[in-house]
């Protein structure tokens, strides 16, 4: 795996760990059940991590440079 992709994967996993902790806390606040909250977190967390990683790779490949050019006024 290329270093940039590995860095991106580490970023996605770190963010997802934080968001899963928040998600568990919110689920527990609503359900009052640890097992149900863990189940929800286990399903949603990795799914969203995969979706985010794919989104980030596609963004870097197809959008990032074009967006920089538009913002800097090099391309209209």
N, C-alpha and C. Protein backbone atom coordinates (compact mmCIF):
# COMPACT_ATOMS: atom_id res chain seq x y z
N UNK A 1 0.85 -1.17 0.00
CA UNK A 1 0.00 0.00 0.00
C UNK A 1 0.90 1.24 0.00
N UNK A 2 0.54 2.22 -0.81
CA UNK A 2 1.30 3.46 -0.89
C UNK A 2 1.25 4.20 0.44
N UNK A 3 2.33 4.93 0.78
CA UNK A 3 2.35 5.67 2.06
C UNK A 3 1.18 6.63 2.23
N UNK A 4 0.77 7.31 1.16
CA UNK A 4 -0.35 8.25 1.27
C UNK A 4 -1.64 7.52 1.60
N UNK A 5 -1.83 6.37 1.00
CA UNK A 5 -3.05 5.59 1.29
C UNK A 5 -3.01 5.01 2.70
N UNK A 6 -1.81 4.60 3.14
CA UNK A 6 -1.67 4.09 4.49
C UNK A 6 -1.96 5.21 5.50
N UNK A 7 -1.46 6.40 5.23
CA UNK A 7 -1.72 7.55 6.10
C UNK A 7 -3.23 7.83 6.15
N UNK A 8 -3.86 7.77 5.00
CA UNK A 8 -5.30 8.00 4.92
C UNK A 8 -6.06 6.93 5.71
N UNK A 9 -5.64 5.68 5.61
CA UNK A 9 -6.28 4.61 6.35
C UNK A 9 -6.14 4.82 7.85
N UNK A 10 -4.96 5.23 8.30
CA UNK A 10 -4.74 5.50 9.72
C UNK A 10 -5.64 6.65 10.18
N UNK A 11 -5.77 7.69 9.35
CA UNK A 11 -6.64 8.83 9.67
C UNK A 11 -8.09 8.36 9.80
N UNK A 12 -8.54 7.56 8.85
CA UNK A 12 -9.93 7.07 8.86
C UNK A 12 -10.17 6.21 10.10
N UNK A 13 -9.24 5.32 10.43
CA UNK A 13 -9.42 4.45 11.59
C UNK A 13 -9.42 5.26 12.89
N UNK A 14 -8.51 6.23 13.00
CA UNK A 14 -8.47 7.07 14.21
C UNK A 14 -9.77 7.84 14.37
N UNK A 15 -10.25 8.44 13.29
CA UNK A 15 -11.50 9.18 13.37
C UNK A 15 -12.65 8.25 13.72
N UNK A 16 -12.67 7.08 13.11
CA UNK A 16 -13.77 6.16 13.34
C UNK A 16 -13.77 5.65 14.78
N UNK A 17 -12.60 5.48 15.38
CA UNK A 17 -12.55 5.08 16.78
C UNK A 17 -13.19 6.14 17.67
N UNK A 18 -12.89 7.38 17.39
CA UNK A 18 -13.50 8.48 18.13
C UNK A 18 -15.00 8.52 17.90
N UNK A 19 -15.42 8.40 16.65
CA UNK A 19 -16.84 8.48 16.34
C UNK A 19 -17.61 7.27 16.89
N UNK A 20 -16.96 6.09 16.93
CA UNK A 20 -17.62 4.91 17.49
C UNK A 20 -17.82 5.07 18.99
N UNK A 21 -16.87 5.69 19.65
CA UNK A 21 -17.02 5.96 21.08
C UNK A 21 -18.20 6.89 21.32
N UNK A 22 -18.28 7.94 20.51
CA UNK A 22 -19.42 8.86 20.61
C UNK A 22 -20.72 8.15 20.26
N UNK A 23 -20.70 7.34 19.23
CA UNK A 23 -21.89 6.60 18.81
C UNK A 23 -22.38 5.65 19.89
N UNK A 24 -21.44 4.94 20.53
CA UNK A 24 -21.82 4.05 21.62
C UNK A 24 -22.46 4.83 22.76
N UNK A 25 -21.86 5.96 23.10
CA UNK A 25 -22.38 6.78 24.19
C UNK A 25 -23.79 7.26 23.89
N UNK A 26 -24.01 7.71 22.67
CA UNK A 26 -25.34 8.17 22.28
C UNK A 26 -26.34 7.01 22.27
N UNK A 27 -25.94 5.88 21.70
CA UNK A 27 -26.83 4.71 21.66
C UNK A 27 -27.18 4.27 23.08
N UNK A 28 -26.20 4.27 23.96
CA UNK A 28 -26.46 3.87 25.34
C UNK A 28 -27.39 4.87 26.04
N UNK A 29 -27.21 6.15 25.75
CA UNK A 29 -28.09 7.16 26.35
C UNK A 29 -29.54 6.94 25.92
N UNK A 30 -29.75 6.50 24.69
CA UNK A 30 -31.11 6.27 24.18
C UNK A 30 -31.68 4.92 24.60
N UNK A 31 -30.84 3.88 24.58
CA UNK A 31 -31.36 2.53 24.84
C UNK A 31 -31.25 2.12 26.30
N UNK A 32 -30.20 2.60 26.98
CA UNK A 32 -29.96 2.19 28.35
C UNK A 32 -29.44 0.77 28.47
N UNK A 33 -29.05 0.18 27.33
CA UNK A 33 -28.57 -1.21 27.31
C UNK A 33 -27.19 -1.27 26.68
N UNK A 34 -26.26 -1.86 27.40
CA UNK A 34 -24.89 -1.96 26.90
C UNK A 34 -24.83 -2.88 25.68
N UNK A 35 -25.43 -4.05 25.76
CA UNK A 35 -25.34 -5.03 24.66
C UNK A 35 -25.93 -4.46 23.38
N UNK A 36 -27.07 -3.83 23.46
CA UNK A 36 -27.70 -3.25 22.27
C UNK A 36 -26.85 -2.12 21.70
N UNK A 37 -26.29 -1.31 22.58
CA UNK A 37 -25.45 -0.19 22.14
C UNK A 37 -24.18 -0.70 21.46
N UNK A 38 -23.58 -1.75 22.02
CA UNK A 38 -22.38 -2.34 21.40
C UNK A 38 -22.74 -2.92 20.04
N UNK A 39 -23.87 -3.61 19.94
CA UNK A 39 -24.29 -4.18 18.66
C UNK A 39 -24.48 -3.13 17.59
N UNK A 40 -25.14 -2.06 17.94
CA UNK A 40 -25.33 -0.95 17.00
C UNK A 40 -23.99 -0.40 16.56
N UNK A 41 -23.10 -0.18 17.52
CA UNK A 41 -21.78 0.39 17.24
C UNK A 41 -20.94 -0.53 16.36
N UNK A 42 -21.02 -1.83 16.63
CA UNK A 42 -20.23 -2.80 15.85
C UNK A 42 -20.69 -2.86 14.40
N UNK A 43 -21.97 -2.68 14.16
CA UNK A 43 -22.48 -2.70 12.78
C UNK A 43 -22.19 -1.39 12.07
N UNK A 44 -22.51 -0.29 12.71
CA UNK A 44 -22.40 1.02 12.05
C UNK A 44 -20.95 1.49 11.91
N UNK A 45 -20.13 1.30 12.94
CA UNK A 45 -18.76 1.81 12.93
C UNK A 45 -17.91 1.34 11.76
N UNK A 46 -17.69 0.04 11.62
CA UNK A 46 -16.87 -0.44 10.50
C UNK A 46 -17.48 -0.14 9.13
N UNK A 47 -18.80 -0.17 9.04
CA UNK A 47 -19.45 0.15 7.76
C UNK A 47 -19.14 1.58 7.36
N UNK A 48 -19.28 2.51 8.28
CA UNK A 48 -18.99 3.91 7.98
C UNK A 48 -17.50 4.14 7.74
N UNK A 49 -16.63 3.39 8.42
CA UNK A 49 -15.19 3.50 8.18
C UNK A 49 -14.85 3.11 6.74
N UNK A 50 -15.43 2.02 6.27
CA UNK A 50 -15.19 1.58 4.90
C UNK A 50 -15.72 2.61 3.90
N UNK A 51 -16.91 3.10 4.13
CA UNK A 51 -17.49 4.10 3.23
C UNK A 51 -16.63 5.37 3.22
N UNK A 52 -16.16 5.81 4.39
CA UNK A 52 -15.33 7.00 4.45
C UNK A 52 -14.01 6.81 3.73
N UNK A 53 -13.39 5.64 3.89
CA UNK A 53 -12.10 5.38 3.25
C UNK A 53 -12.24 5.41 1.74
N UNK A 54 -13.27 4.77 1.22
CA UNK A 54 -13.52 4.78 -0.23
C UNK A 54 -13.79 6.21 -0.70
N UNK A 55 -14.63 6.94 0.05
CA UNK A 55 -14.93 8.32 -0.30
C UNK A 55 -13.65 9.16 -0.35
N UNK A 56 -12.80 9.02 0.66
CA UNK A 56 -11.55 9.80 0.71
C UNK A 56 -10.64 9.48 -0.48
N UNK A 57 -10.54 8.20 -0.83
CA UNK A 57 -9.70 7.82 -1.97
C UNK A 57 -10.26 8.40 -3.27
N UNK A 58 -11.56 8.30 -3.46
CA UNK A 58 -12.18 8.84 -4.67
C UNK A 58 -12.05 10.36 -4.71
N UNK A 59 -12.23 11.01 -3.57
CA UNK A 59 -12.09 12.46 -3.49
C UNK A 59 -10.68 12.88 -3.90
N UNK A 60 -9.66 12.19 -3.34
CA UNK A 60 -8.29 12.52 -3.69
C UNK A 60 -8.01 12.31 -5.17
N UNK A 61 -8.58 11.27 -5.73
CA UNK A 61 -8.32 10.93 -7.12
C UNK A 61 -9.04 11.85 -8.11
N UNK A 62 -10.28 12.20 -7.82
CA UNK A 62 -11.10 12.88 -8.83
C UNK A 62 -11.48 14.33 -8.50
N UNK A 63 -11.39 14.74 -7.26
CA UNK A 63 -11.93 16.05 -6.91
C UNK A 63 -10.87 17.02 -6.42
N UNK A 64 -9.93 16.58 -5.61
CA UNK A 64 -9.01 17.47 -4.91
C UNK A 64 -8.33 18.49 -5.82
N UNK A 65 -7.67 18.06 -6.87
CA UNK A 65 -6.92 18.98 -7.72
C UNK A 65 -7.84 19.93 -8.46
N UNK A 66 -8.96 19.43 -8.96
CA UNK A 66 -9.92 20.30 -9.65
C UNK A 66 -10.46 21.36 -8.72
N UNK A 67 -10.76 20.97 -7.50
CA UNK A 67 -11.28 21.93 -6.52
C UNK A 67 -10.24 22.99 -6.19
N UNK A 68 -9.00 22.60 -6.03
CA UNK A 68 -7.93 23.58 -5.77
C UNK A 68 -7.83 24.57 -6.92
N UNK A 69 -7.94 24.08 -8.15
CA UNK A 69 -7.85 24.97 -9.31
C UNK A 69 -9.03 25.95 -9.34
N UNK A 70 -10.20 25.49 -9.05
CA UNK A 70 -11.39 26.35 -9.05
C UNK A 70 -11.26 27.40 -7.95
N UNK A 71 -10.85 26.98 -6.77
CA UNK A 71 -10.71 27.92 -5.66
C UNK A 71 -9.64 28.97 -5.94
N UNK A 72 -8.55 28.55 -6.55
CA UNK A 72 -7.46 29.50 -6.83
C UNK A 72 -7.74 30.35 -8.07
N UNK A 73 -8.80 30.04 -8.80
CA UNK A 73 -9.15 30.82 -9.99
C UNK A 73 -8.42 30.41 -11.24
N UNK A 74 -7.68 29.30 -11.22
CA UNK A 74 -6.94 28.84 -12.39
C UNK A 74 -7.86 28.22 -13.43
N UNK A 75 -9.01 27.79 -12.99
CA UNK A 75 -9.94 27.11 -13.89
C UNK A 75 -11.34 27.58 -13.52
N UNK A 76 -12.17 27.80 -14.48
CA UNK A 76 -13.51 28.30 -14.16
C UNK A 76 -14.52 27.37 -14.48
